[in-house]
N, C-alpha and C. Protein backbone atom coordinates (compact mmCIF):
# COMPACT_ATOMS: atom_id res chain seq x y z
N MET A 1 -16.23 100.91 98.95
CA MET A 1 -15.35 101.97 99.13
C MET A 1 -13.95 101.54 99.79
N THR A 2 -13.03 102.44 99.82
CA THR A 2 -11.68 102.13 100.08
C THR A 2 -11.29 102.38 101.62
N THR A 3 -10.54 101.56 102.18
CA THR A 3 -9.84 101.97 103.39
C THR A 3 -8.51 102.61 103.27
N PHE A 4 -8.33 103.78 103.72
CA PHE A 4 -6.95 104.35 103.67
C PHE A 4 -6.30 104.32 105.04
N ALA A 5 -5.16 103.72 105.04
CA ALA A 5 -4.45 103.48 106.37
C ALA A 5 -3.15 104.47 106.19
N ILE A 6 -3.18 105.50 107.06
CA ILE A 6 -2.31 106.63 106.93
C ILE A 6 -1.03 106.43 107.91
N VAL A 7 0.06 106.57 107.40
CA VAL A 7 1.19 106.43 108.24
C VAL A 7 1.94 107.79 108.25
N HIS A 8 1.82 108.49 109.31
CA HIS A 8 2.45 109.96 109.48
C HIS A 8 4.01 109.88 109.45
N GLY A 9 4.53 111.07 109.38
CA GLY A 9 5.87 111.26 109.33
C GLY A 9 6.58 111.45 110.70
N ALA A 10 7.79 111.72 110.69
CA ALA A 10 8.66 111.80 111.88
C ALA A 10 8.07 112.94 112.75
N GLY A 11 8.03 112.63 114.01
CA GLY A 11 7.62 113.75 115.00
C GLY A 11 6.22 114.20 114.87
N ASP A 12 5.44 113.54 113.98
CA ASP A 12 4.06 113.98 113.74
C ASP A 12 3.11 113.12 114.38
N VAL A 13 1.77 113.46 114.25
CA VAL A 13 0.80 112.58 114.82
C VAL A 13 -0.33 112.39 113.70
N GLY A 14 -1.23 111.50 113.95
CA GLY A 14 -2.36 111.16 113.06
C GLY A 14 -3.34 112.45 112.91
N TRP A 15 -3.38 113.50 113.91
CA TRP A 15 -4.08 114.65 113.75
C TRP A 15 -3.74 115.49 112.42
N SER A 16 -2.47 115.43 112.05
CA SER A 16 -2.27 116.28 110.88
C SER A 16 -2.86 115.88 109.56
N TRP A 17 -3.54 114.69 109.60
CA TRP A 17 -4.26 114.15 108.37
C TRP A 17 -5.72 114.45 108.55
N HIS A 18 -6.22 115.13 109.52
CA HIS A 18 -7.69 115.19 109.87
C HIS A 18 -8.36 115.84 108.71
N LEU A 19 -7.84 116.83 108.01
CA LEU A 19 -8.56 117.40 106.92
C LEU A 19 -8.58 116.57 105.69
N VAL A 20 -7.68 115.82 105.42
CA VAL A 20 -7.62 114.76 104.34
C VAL A 20 -8.63 113.73 104.68
N SER A 21 -8.66 113.25 105.79
CA SER A 21 -9.54 112.27 106.38
C SER A 21 -11.04 112.71 106.20
N GLU A 22 -11.28 114.01 106.60
CA GLU A 22 -12.74 114.41 106.46
C GLU A 22 -13.03 114.48 105.00
N ALA A 23 -12.24 114.83 104.14
CA ALA A 23 -12.49 114.89 102.63
C ALA A 23 -12.75 113.52 102.07
N LEU A 24 -11.91 112.48 102.45
CA LEU A 24 -12.10 111.17 102.00
C LEU A 24 -13.36 110.59 102.61
N GLU A 25 -13.62 110.87 103.86
CA GLU A 25 -14.84 110.17 104.43
C GLU A 25 -16.10 110.87 103.91
N ALA A 26 -16.02 112.04 103.46
CA ALA A 26 -17.11 112.64 102.74
C ALA A 26 -17.49 112.10 101.55
N GLN A 27 -16.55 111.34 101.01
CA GLN A 27 -16.68 110.45 99.70
C GLN A 27 -17.14 109.10 99.92
N GLY A 28 -17.24 108.70 101.26
CA GLY A 28 -17.63 107.38 101.64
C GLY A 28 -16.46 106.53 102.09
N HIS A 29 -15.25 106.90 102.04
CA HIS A 29 -14.14 106.06 102.24
C HIS A 29 -13.97 106.00 103.87
N THR A 30 -13.12 105.01 104.25
CA THR A 30 -12.74 104.87 105.59
C THR A 30 -11.38 105.48 105.75
N VAL A 31 -11.00 106.14 106.83
CA VAL A 31 -9.62 106.53 107.05
C VAL A 31 -9.10 106.17 108.57
N ILE A 32 -8.01 105.57 108.51
CA ILE A 32 -7.46 105.23 109.76
C ILE A 32 -5.98 105.79 109.89
N ALA A 33 -5.87 106.71 110.90
CA ALA A 33 -4.56 107.44 111.02
C ALA A 33 -4.13 107.41 112.40
N PRO A 34 -3.67 106.36 112.88
CA PRO A 34 -3.30 106.33 114.26
C PRO A 34 -1.91 106.92 114.57
N ASP A 35 -1.79 107.38 115.80
CA ASP A 35 -0.41 107.95 116.22
C ASP A 35 0.59 106.73 116.47
N LEU A 36 1.68 106.76 115.90
CA LEU A 36 2.80 105.86 116.00
C LEU A 36 3.58 105.99 117.32
N PRO A 37 4.01 105.07 117.85
CA PRO A 37 4.82 105.10 119.21
C PRO A 37 6.20 105.61 118.99
N THR A 38 6.30 106.71 118.39
CA THR A 38 7.69 107.29 117.98
C THR A 38 8.68 107.47 119.11
N GLU A 39 8.08 107.80 120.25
CA GLU A 39 8.98 108.11 121.37
C GLU A 39 9.29 107.00 122.20
N ASP A 40 8.87 105.94 122.05
CA ASP A 40 9.04 104.64 122.91
C ASP A 40 10.35 104.07 122.41
N GLU A 41 11.44 104.09 123.22
CA GLU A 41 12.69 103.52 122.89
C GLU A 41 12.55 101.90 122.69
N SER A 42 11.63 101.38 123.24
CA SER A 42 11.51 99.89 123.11
C SER A 42 11.07 99.46 121.80
N LYS A 43 10.53 100.46 121.00
CA LYS A 43 9.86 100.13 119.71
C LYS A 43 10.72 100.47 118.49
N ASP A 44 10.63 99.68 117.47
CA ASP A 44 11.31 99.99 116.12
C ASP A 44 10.37 100.16 115.09
N LEU A 45 10.75 100.24 113.85
CA LEU A 45 9.83 100.51 112.69
C LEU A 45 8.77 99.37 112.43
N SER A 46 9.10 98.16 112.79
CA SER A 46 8.26 97.04 112.76
C SER A 46 7.15 97.17 113.79
N ASP A 47 7.44 97.78 114.92
CA ASP A 47 6.43 97.94 115.99
C ASP A 47 5.54 99.18 115.51
N TRP A 48 6.26 100.18 114.83
CA TRP A 48 5.28 101.29 114.32
C TRP A 48 4.30 100.74 113.31
N ALA A 49 4.80 99.74 112.48
CA ALA A 49 3.97 99.16 111.51
C ALA A 49 2.68 98.40 112.16
N THR A 50 3.15 97.68 113.20
CA THR A 50 2.06 96.95 114.01
C THR A 50 0.96 97.90 114.46
N ALA A 51 1.39 99.03 114.92
CA ALA A 51 0.40 99.94 115.35
C ALA A 51 -0.70 100.31 114.40
N VAL A 52 -0.23 100.45 113.10
CA VAL A 52 -1.13 100.78 112.00
C VAL A 52 -2.01 99.44 111.61
N VAL A 53 -1.27 98.38 111.50
CA VAL A 53 -1.98 97.10 111.30
C VAL A 53 -3.04 96.77 112.34
N ASP A 54 -2.70 96.99 113.49
CA ASP A 54 -3.69 96.64 114.63
C ASP A 54 -4.88 97.68 114.46
N ALA A 55 -4.64 98.80 114.18
CA ALA A 55 -5.69 99.92 114.17
C ALA A 55 -6.63 99.48 112.90
N VAL A 56 -6.13 99.02 111.82
CA VAL A 56 -6.93 98.61 110.71
C VAL A 56 -7.51 97.27 111.04
N SER A 57 -6.92 96.34 111.57
CA SER A 57 -7.47 95.13 112.03
C SER A 57 -8.60 95.18 113.06
N SER A 58 -8.65 96.30 113.95
CA SER A 58 -9.69 96.41 114.86
C SER A 58 -11.01 96.86 114.31
N LYS A 59 -11.04 97.11 113.02
CA LYS A 59 -12.23 97.43 112.30
C LYS A 59 -12.36 96.48 111.09
N PRO A 60 -13.07 95.35 111.53
CA PRO A 60 -13.17 94.22 110.49
C PRO A 60 -13.68 94.58 109.03
N ASP A 61 -14.60 95.55 109.04
CA ASP A 61 -15.08 96.02 107.74
C ASP A 61 -14.06 96.69 106.85
N SER A 62 -12.78 97.01 107.47
CA SER A 62 -11.89 97.80 106.88
C SER A 62 -10.56 97.07 106.45
N THR A 63 -10.67 95.75 106.39
CA THR A 63 -9.61 94.96 106.19
C THR A 63 -9.23 94.51 104.79
N SER A 64 -10.16 94.91 103.80
CA SER A 64 -10.04 94.56 102.39
C SER A 64 -10.06 95.89 101.70
N ASP A 65 -9.25 95.86 100.54
CA ASP A 65 -9.09 97.00 99.65
C ASP A 65 -8.42 98.14 100.45
N VAL A 66 -7.34 97.96 101.07
CA VAL A 66 -6.70 98.87 101.83
C VAL A 66 -5.55 99.61 101.03
N VAL A 67 -5.65 101.00 100.91
CA VAL A 67 -4.73 101.77 100.30
C VAL A 67 -3.78 102.33 101.54
N VAL A 68 -2.51 101.94 101.54
CA VAL A 68 -1.52 102.46 102.62
C VAL A 68 -0.77 103.67 102.09
N VAL A 69 -0.87 104.68 102.84
CA VAL A 69 -0.30 106.05 102.51
C VAL A 69 0.84 106.38 103.52
N GLY A 70 1.97 106.51 103.07
CA GLY A 70 3.12 107.01 103.84
C GLY A 70 3.53 108.35 103.48
N HIS A 71 3.81 109.29 104.62
CA HIS A 71 4.21 110.59 104.39
C HIS A 71 5.55 110.77 105.06
N SER A 72 6.47 111.38 104.23
CA SER A 72 7.80 111.77 104.69
C SER A 72 8.52 110.47 105.36
N PHE A 73 8.86 110.56 106.48
CA PHE A 73 9.69 109.39 107.26
C PHE A 73 8.67 108.29 107.23
N GLY A 74 7.34 108.45 107.08
CA GLY A 74 6.32 107.25 107.10
C GLY A 74 6.54 106.38 105.84
N GLY A 75 7.37 106.91 104.88
CA GLY A 75 7.62 106.12 103.77
C GLY A 75 8.39 104.91 104.00
N LEU A 76 9.29 104.99 105.20
CA LEU A 76 9.95 103.72 105.62
C LEU A 76 9.13 102.79 106.30
N VAL A 77 8.00 103.23 106.80
CA VAL A 77 7.03 102.33 107.58
C VAL A 77 6.04 101.84 106.78
N ALA A 78 5.46 102.68 105.96
CA ALA A 78 4.30 102.24 105.10
C ALA A 78 4.51 100.86 104.27
N PRO A 79 5.63 100.68 103.78
CA PRO A 79 5.87 99.41 103.04
C PRO A 79 5.73 98.21 104.04
N LEU A 80 6.14 98.44 105.34
CA LEU A 80 6.00 97.37 106.24
C LEU A 80 4.52 97.05 106.51
N VAL A 81 3.73 98.06 106.56
CA VAL A 81 2.29 97.99 106.80
C VAL A 81 1.75 97.26 105.46
N ALA A 82 2.02 97.70 104.43
CA ALA A 82 1.47 97.15 103.11
C ALA A 82 1.66 95.71 103.03
N ALA A 83 2.96 95.20 103.42
CA ALA A 83 3.28 93.74 103.45
C ALA A 83 2.44 92.91 104.36
N ARG A 84 1.72 93.59 105.25
CA ARG A 84 0.99 92.85 106.20
C ARG A 84 -0.53 92.73 106.28
N LEU A 85 -1.08 93.64 105.19
CA LEU A 85 -2.43 93.89 105.00
C LEU A 85 -2.89 93.37 103.69
N ASN A 86 -4.17 93.30 103.46
CA ASN A 86 -4.65 93.10 102.03
C ASN A 86 -4.59 94.43 101.25
N THR A 87 -3.44 94.68 100.86
CA THR A 87 -3.20 96.07 100.26
C THR A 87 -3.45 96.13 98.69
N SER A 88 -4.18 97.18 98.32
CA SER A 88 -4.56 97.39 96.93
C SER A 88 -3.59 98.25 96.31
N ALA A 89 -2.96 99.23 97.06
CA ALA A 89 -1.95 100.14 96.62
C ALA A 89 -1.17 100.71 97.79
N LEU A 90 -0.02 101.04 97.48
CA LEU A 90 0.89 101.87 98.39
C LEU A 90 1.15 103.22 97.73
N VAL A 91 0.85 104.20 98.51
CA VAL A 91 1.08 105.63 98.05
C VAL A 91 2.03 106.36 99.04
N LEU A 92 3.06 106.82 98.29
CA LEU A 92 4.14 107.47 99.12
C LEU A 92 4.06 109.04 98.85
N VAL A 93 3.96 109.85 99.82
CA VAL A 93 3.80 111.23 99.63
C VAL A 93 5.02 111.93 100.09
N THR A 94 5.67 112.55 99.19
CA THR A 94 6.96 113.19 99.42
C THR A 94 7.62 112.53 100.59
N ALA A 95 8.05 111.17 100.25
CA ALA A 95 8.42 110.21 101.32
C ALA A 95 9.87 109.69 101.10
N MET A 96 10.38 109.32 102.37
CA MET A 96 11.64 108.68 102.29
C MET A 96 11.49 107.22 101.67
N LEU A 97 12.37 106.73 100.87
CA LEU A 97 12.29 105.52 100.12
C LEU A 97 13.31 104.57 100.80
N PRO A 98 12.90 103.48 101.37
CA PRO A 98 13.89 102.60 102.01
C PRO A 98 14.79 101.68 101.03
N ARG A 99 15.82 101.15 101.67
CA ARG A 99 16.67 100.12 101.01
C ARG A 99 16.82 99.11 102.05
N PRO A 100 16.75 97.78 101.54
CA PRO A 100 16.90 96.69 102.50
C PRO A 100 18.21 96.74 103.30
N GLY A 101 17.98 96.51 104.51
CA GLY A 101 19.21 96.56 105.45
C GLY A 101 19.70 97.99 105.88
N GLU A 102 19.11 99.00 105.33
CA GLU A 102 19.68 100.28 105.64
C GLU A 102 18.93 100.84 106.91
N ALA A 103 19.84 101.35 107.72
CA ALA A 103 19.11 102.01 108.99
C ALA A 103 18.63 103.39 108.66
N PRO A 104 17.46 103.77 109.17
CA PRO A 104 16.93 105.03 108.81
C PRO A 104 17.91 106.31 109.07
N GLY A 105 18.73 106.13 110.13
CA GLY A 105 19.70 107.15 110.45
C GLY A 105 20.70 107.30 109.30
N ASP A 106 20.95 106.26 108.48
CA ASP A 106 21.94 106.36 107.46
C ASP A 106 21.46 106.73 106.15
N TRP A 107 20.00 106.85 106.07
CA TRP A 107 19.33 107.15 104.79
C TRP A 107 19.88 108.48 104.29
N TRP A 108 20.13 109.43 105.08
CA TRP A 108 20.44 110.89 104.68
C TRP A 108 21.68 110.89 103.89
N GLY A 109 22.79 110.27 104.54
CA GLY A 109 24.09 110.30 103.80
C GLY A 109 24.09 109.32 102.62
N ASN A 110 23.34 108.35 102.62
CA ASN A 110 23.40 107.38 101.56
C ASN A 110 22.57 108.04 100.29
N THR A 111 21.60 108.77 100.53
CA THR A 111 20.91 109.40 99.43
C THR A 111 21.44 110.66 98.97
N GLY A 112 22.54 111.17 99.60
CA GLY A 112 23.07 112.48 99.31
C GLY A 112 22.31 113.62 99.71
N TYR A 113 21.33 113.47 100.69
CA TYR A 113 20.46 114.68 101.12
C TYR A 113 21.43 115.85 101.63
N ALA A 114 21.06 117.00 101.16
CA ALA A 114 21.59 118.21 101.53
C ALA A 114 20.50 119.21 101.82
N ASP A 115 20.68 119.98 102.93
CA ASP A 115 19.67 121.01 103.29
C ASP A 115 19.51 121.98 102.22
N SER A 116 18.34 122.23 101.80
CA SER A 116 17.95 123.23 100.82
C SER A 116 18.43 124.60 101.08
N GLY A 117 18.58 125.03 102.35
CA GLY A 117 18.90 126.34 102.74
C GLY A 117 17.74 127.21 102.70
N LEU A 118 16.61 126.71 102.26
CA LEU A 118 15.37 127.58 102.22
C LEU A 118 14.65 127.76 103.54
N GLU A 119 14.06 128.81 103.79
CA GLU A 119 13.45 129.13 105.04
C GLU A 119 12.09 128.43 105.18
N ASP A 120 11.60 128.14 106.34
CA ASP A 120 10.37 127.49 106.68
C ASP A 120 10.10 126.24 105.80
N GLN A 121 10.91 125.28 106.00
CA GLN A 121 10.84 124.16 105.01
C GLN A 121 9.57 123.21 105.19
N PHE A 122 8.91 123.40 106.27
CA PHE A 122 7.74 122.56 106.46
C PHE A 122 6.29 123.17 106.23
N TRP A 123 6.21 124.40 106.86
CA TRP A 123 4.87 124.99 106.91
C TRP A 123 4.78 126.19 106.08
N HIS A 124 5.57 126.57 105.07
CA HIS A 124 5.60 127.81 104.35
C HIS A 124 4.12 128.07 103.70
N ASP A 125 3.50 126.91 103.27
CA ASP A 125 2.33 127.16 102.51
C ASP A 125 1.02 126.65 103.39
N VAL A 126 1.36 126.32 104.69
CA VAL A 126 0.15 125.87 105.50
C VAL A 126 -0.38 127.16 106.26
N PRO A 127 -1.75 127.10 106.32
CA PRO A 127 -2.36 128.26 107.01
C PRO A 127 -1.86 128.32 108.41
N ALA A 128 -1.68 129.55 108.95
CA ALA A 128 -0.93 129.82 110.13
C ALA A 128 -1.44 129.06 111.37
N HIS A 129 -2.75 129.02 111.48
CA HIS A 129 -3.34 128.33 112.64
C HIS A 129 -3.18 126.88 112.58
N LEU A 130 -3.02 126.33 111.51
CA LEU A 130 -2.71 124.80 111.35
C LEU A 130 -1.32 124.64 111.57
N ALA A 131 -0.39 125.50 111.08
CA ALA A 131 1.05 125.34 111.31
C ALA A 131 1.37 125.58 112.85
N GLU A 132 0.72 126.36 113.46
CA GLU A 132 0.86 126.59 114.99
C GLU A 132 0.54 125.28 115.67
N GLU A 133 -0.63 124.81 115.41
CA GLU A 133 -1.22 123.70 115.99
C GLU A 133 -0.29 122.39 115.73
N SER A 134 0.15 122.30 114.51
CA SER A 134 1.05 121.15 114.16
C SER A 134 2.29 121.19 115.06
N GLN A 135 2.89 122.34 115.14
CA GLN A 135 4.14 122.55 115.88
C GLN A 135 3.90 122.06 117.35
N LYS A 136 2.68 122.51 117.84
CA LYS A 136 2.49 122.19 119.30
C LYS A 136 2.35 120.62 119.51
N ARG A 137 2.03 119.85 118.58
CA ARG A 137 1.75 118.42 118.61
C ARG A 137 3.04 117.65 118.24
N GLU A 138 4.11 118.41 117.85
CA GLU A 138 5.43 117.62 117.53
C GLU A 138 5.86 116.78 118.61
N ARG A 139 6.31 115.62 118.27
CA ARG A 139 6.98 114.63 119.19
C ARG A 139 8.41 114.17 118.75
N GLY A 140 9.11 113.53 119.67
CA GLY A 140 10.35 113.14 119.41
C GLY A 140 10.37 111.71 118.72
N MET A 141 11.66 111.36 118.46
CA MET A 141 11.92 110.02 117.68
C MET A 141 12.84 109.27 118.50
N SER A 142 12.53 107.89 118.62
CA SER A 142 13.40 107.10 119.39
C SER A 142 14.68 106.66 118.60
N GLU A 143 15.85 106.60 119.37
CA GLU A 143 17.14 106.32 118.78
C GLU A 143 16.97 104.81 118.26
N ASN A 144 16.29 103.90 118.87
CA ASN A 144 16.20 102.63 118.50
C ASN A 144 15.66 102.43 116.96
N ALA A 145 14.51 103.15 116.81
CA ALA A 145 13.97 103.21 115.55
C ALA A 145 14.96 103.66 114.38
N MET A 146 15.76 104.64 114.65
CA MET A 146 16.67 105.19 113.79
C MET A 146 17.80 104.33 113.50
N SER A 147 18.21 103.32 114.34
CA SER A 147 19.37 102.61 114.24
C SER A 147 19.18 101.21 113.61
N LYS A 148 18.08 100.69 113.68
CA LYS A 148 17.87 99.33 113.29
C LYS A 148 17.67 99.29 111.71
N PRO A 149 18.20 98.31 111.07
CA PRO A 149 18.08 98.17 109.64
C PRO A 149 16.75 97.89 109.19
N TRP A 150 16.53 98.42 108.02
CA TRP A 150 15.17 98.28 107.40
C TRP A 150 14.90 96.74 107.14
N PRO A 151 13.80 96.20 107.70
CA PRO A 151 13.70 94.66 107.72
C PRO A 151 13.27 93.91 106.42
N LEU A 152 12.71 94.42 105.52
CA LEU A 152 12.26 93.77 104.38
C LEU A 152 13.41 93.59 103.40
N ASP A 153 13.40 92.44 102.57
CA ASP A 153 14.43 92.24 101.55
C ASP A 153 14.11 93.00 100.23
N ARG A 154 12.86 93.58 100.14
CA ARG A 154 12.51 94.29 98.95
C ARG A 154 11.09 94.93 99.29
N MET A 155 10.83 95.88 98.39
CA MET A 155 9.41 96.52 98.60
C MET A 155 8.27 95.58 98.39
N PRO A 156 7.17 95.72 98.97
CA PRO A 156 6.00 94.88 98.72
C PRO A 156 5.59 94.71 97.37
N ASP A 157 5.05 93.67 96.84
CA ASP A 157 4.62 93.51 95.59
C ASP A 157 3.22 94.03 95.36
N VAL A 158 3.07 95.27 95.42
CA VAL A 158 1.72 95.96 95.26
C VAL A 158 1.83 97.11 94.40
N PRO A 159 0.81 97.63 93.79
CA PRO A 159 0.89 98.77 92.93
C PRO A 159 1.42 99.94 93.92
N THR A 160 2.31 100.61 93.37
CA THR A 160 3.04 101.72 94.16
C THR A 160 2.98 103.04 93.40
N HIS A 161 2.63 104.07 94.10
CA HIS A 161 2.63 105.42 93.56
C HIS A 161 3.31 106.46 94.41
N PHE A 162 3.97 107.37 93.73
CA PHE A 162 4.70 108.41 94.61
C PHE A 162 4.09 109.86 94.18
N VAL A 163 3.72 110.57 95.28
CA VAL A 163 3.22 111.93 95.01
C VAL A 163 4.36 112.84 95.34
N LEU A 164 4.75 113.60 94.28
CA LEU A 164 5.98 114.56 94.40
C LEU A 164 5.24 115.86 94.58
N CYS A 165 5.77 116.52 95.77
CA CYS A 165 5.17 117.72 96.05
C CYS A 165 6.16 118.82 95.48
N THR A 166 5.77 119.56 94.44
CA THR A 166 6.56 120.36 93.63
C THR A 166 7.13 121.65 94.39
N GLU A 167 6.48 122.01 95.56
CA GLU A 167 6.94 123.17 96.26
C GLU A 167 7.55 122.80 97.53
N ASP A 168 8.03 121.54 97.68
CA ASP A 168 8.54 120.97 98.95
C ASP A 168 9.85 121.62 99.11
N ARG A 169 10.11 122.30 100.18
CA ARG A 169 11.49 122.98 100.57
C ARG A 169 12.32 121.97 101.49
N PHE A 170 11.78 120.88 101.94
CA PHE A 170 12.58 119.95 102.66
C PHE A 170 13.14 118.84 101.93
N PHE A 171 12.25 118.18 101.20
CA PHE A 171 12.73 117.12 100.18
C PHE A 171 12.33 117.82 98.71
N THR A 172 13.35 118.48 98.27
CA THR A 172 12.98 119.32 97.04
C THR A 172 12.71 118.38 95.88
N PRO A 173 12.03 118.79 94.90
CA PRO A 173 11.65 117.98 93.81
C PRO A 173 12.83 117.42 93.09
N GLU A 174 13.80 118.25 92.93
CA GLU A 174 15.12 117.61 92.24
C GLU A 174 15.77 116.56 92.98
N PHE A 175 15.76 116.72 94.28
CA PHE A 175 16.40 115.66 95.17
C PHE A 175 15.56 114.38 95.00
N MET A 176 14.21 114.65 95.21
CA MET A 176 13.35 113.47 95.22
C MET A 176 13.32 112.61 93.98
N ARG A 177 13.43 113.35 92.82
CA ARG A 177 13.35 112.71 91.46
C ARG A 177 14.64 111.79 91.52
N LYS A 178 15.78 112.17 92.01
CA LYS A 178 17.02 111.39 92.05
C LYS A 178 16.76 110.12 92.86
N VAL A 179 16.12 110.25 94.01
CA VAL A 179 15.94 109.22 94.92
C VAL A 179 14.89 108.16 94.38
N ILE A 180 13.79 108.66 93.74
CA ILE A 180 12.87 107.85 93.10
C ILE A 180 13.42 107.02 91.94
N ALA A 181 14.35 107.55 91.10
CA ALA A 181 14.98 106.99 90.12
C ALA A 181 15.80 105.87 90.43
N ASP A 182 16.51 106.01 91.69
CA ASP A 182 17.35 105.10 92.28
C ASP A 182 16.75 103.93 93.07
N ARG A 183 15.72 104.25 93.70
CA ARG A 183 15.06 103.33 94.69
C ARG A 183 13.68 102.83 94.35
N LEU A 184 13.11 103.57 93.39
CA LEU A 184 11.81 103.07 92.92
C LEU A 184 11.73 103.20 91.44
N PRO A 185 12.55 102.42 90.80
CA PRO A 185 12.69 102.54 89.35
C PRO A 185 11.37 102.05 88.77
N GLY A 186 11.00 102.79 87.60
CA GLY A 186 9.80 102.29 87.01
C GLY A 186 8.49 103.07 87.35
N VAL A 187 8.56 103.76 88.57
CA VAL A 187 7.48 104.61 89.16
C VAL A 187 7.58 106.00 88.60
N ASN A 188 6.61 106.47 87.88
CA ASN A 188 6.65 107.94 87.52
C ASN A 188 5.81 108.64 88.60
N PRO A 189 6.45 109.53 89.32
CA PRO A 189 5.72 110.29 90.27
C PRO A 189 4.61 111.23 89.81
N VAL A 190 3.51 111.32 90.45
CA VAL A 190 2.41 112.18 90.34
C VAL A 190 2.65 113.52 91.01
N GLU A 191 2.60 114.54 90.30
CA GLU A 191 2.87 115.90 90.91
C GLU A 191 1.69 116.52 91.51
N LEU A 192 2.04 117.18 92.70
CA LEU A 192 1.03 117.86 93.53
C LEU A 192 1.63 119.32 93.82
N LYS A 193 1.08 120.41 93.44
CA LYS A 193 1.56 121.67 93.77
C LYS A 193 1.47 121.95 95.29
N ALA A 194 2.30 121.62 96.14
CA ALA A 194 2.16 121.78 97.58
C ALA A 194 3.59 121.63 98.11
N GLY A 195 3.72 122.14 99.43
CA GLY A 195 4.95 122.00 100.23
C GLY A 195 5.10 120.62 100.92
N HIS A 196 5.83 120.40 101.83
CA HIS A 196 6.18 119.25 102.49
C HIS A 196 4.91 118.67 103.22
N CYS A 197 4.16 119.65 103.85
CA CYS A 197 2.98 119.13 104.61
C CYS A 197 1.68 119.39 103.76
N ALA A 198 1.58 118.74 102.64
CA ALA A 198 0.50 118.77 101.75
C ALA A 198 -0.80 118.48 102.45
N GLN A 199 -0.76 117.60 103.50
CA GLN A 199 -1.96 117.17 104.11
C GLN A 199 -2.59 118.35 104.86
N LEU A 200 -1.84 119.30 105.22
CA LEU A 200 -2.34 120.50 105.82
C LEU A 200 -2.68 121.65 104.83
N SER A 201 -1.73 121.82 103.88
CA SER A 201 -1.80 122.98 102.96
C SER A 201 -2.71 122.75 101.79
N LYS A 202 -2.86 121.50 101.26
CA LYS A 202 -3.64 121.13 100.16
C LYS A 202 -4.49 119.89 100.39
N PRO A 203 -5.23 119.98 101.54
CA PRO A 203 -5.95 118.58 101.99
C PRO A 203 -7.02 118.00 100.93
N GLU A 204 -7.75 119.08 100.34
CA GLU A 204 -8.92 118.66 99.40
C GLU A 204 -8.21 118.09 98.08
N GLU A 205 -7.05 118.89 97.68
CA GLU A 205 -6.41 118.21 96.51
C GLU A 205 -5.78 116.91 96.64
N LEU A 206 -5.17 116.81 97.83
CA LEU A 206 -4.40 115.58 98.18
C LEU A 206 -5.55 114.37 98.38
N ALA A 207 -6.61 114.60 98.96
CA ALA A 207 -7.71 113.62 99.19
C ALA A 207 -8.12 113.27 97.77
N THR A 208 -8.40 114.14 96.89
CA THR A 208 -8.84 113.85 95.46
C THR A 208 -7.92 112.95 94.76
N LEU A 209 -6.54 113.28 94.95
CA LEU A 209 -5.62 112.51 94.28
C LEU A 209 -5.42 111.05 94.83
N LEU A 210 -5.56 110.97 96.21
CA LEU A 210 -5.49 109.77 96.80
C LEU A 210 -6.70 108.77 96.30
N ALA A 211 -7.80 109.49 96.21
CA ALA A 211 -8.97 108.65 95.89
C ALA A 211 -9.03 108.23 94.34
N THR A 212 -8.24 108.92 93.45
CA THR A 212 -8.34 108.56 92.02
C THR A 212 -7.12 107.85 91.54
N LEU A 213 -6.10 107.67 92.36
CA LEU A 213 -4.89 106.86 91.94
C LEU A 213 -5.39 105.43 91.77
N PRO A 214 -4.87 104.81 90.79
CA PRO A 214 -5.19 103.34 90.49
C PRO A 214 -5.01 102.52 91.63
N HIS A 215 -5.77 101.53 91.93
CA HIS A 215 -5.62 100.55 93.04
C HIS A 215 -6.62 99.41 92.78
């Protein structure tokens, strides 16, 4: 069976992946979804990656056949994790895609991101009780992590997949297709009918997709 190492997004926590974790674990997989030290000003993206690597390494039976999954801002961290583990695949879920030397804070302008203007960009398709709990668990982001250049000189050499959420109001499909073509050429996105927080709105469907993507 496969170990899934989950890298959550900005302001988020590992909890938001609990439904996907349950679905994958029911299939016999192992899921590791630690909270990243996002509010610690002494930490940068490499330290965030270390938190995931350490969590995986703490379970010796989980260190082979690792699929690293990065969501949203976690797309900048997941490749750093994948480069340090015995990774069989990297899966980016409606995620930010890095560029060598680019600071996360510059990503928005460099990609031409523009607010969609749509209401409820994160939780519009998430059940109300889950959206409420998710908002209660929101955390801040350190300025240090936002300002330091992305440290790799290229993406890790592992099979890479992108899950495009077709109802995403934050990273719209039109915007993400342009970013993918520019920063992840040759990768054809796999579509999932869900909003930005697919791990809460469509956990079963996302778990099935993660388990069936080639790795």
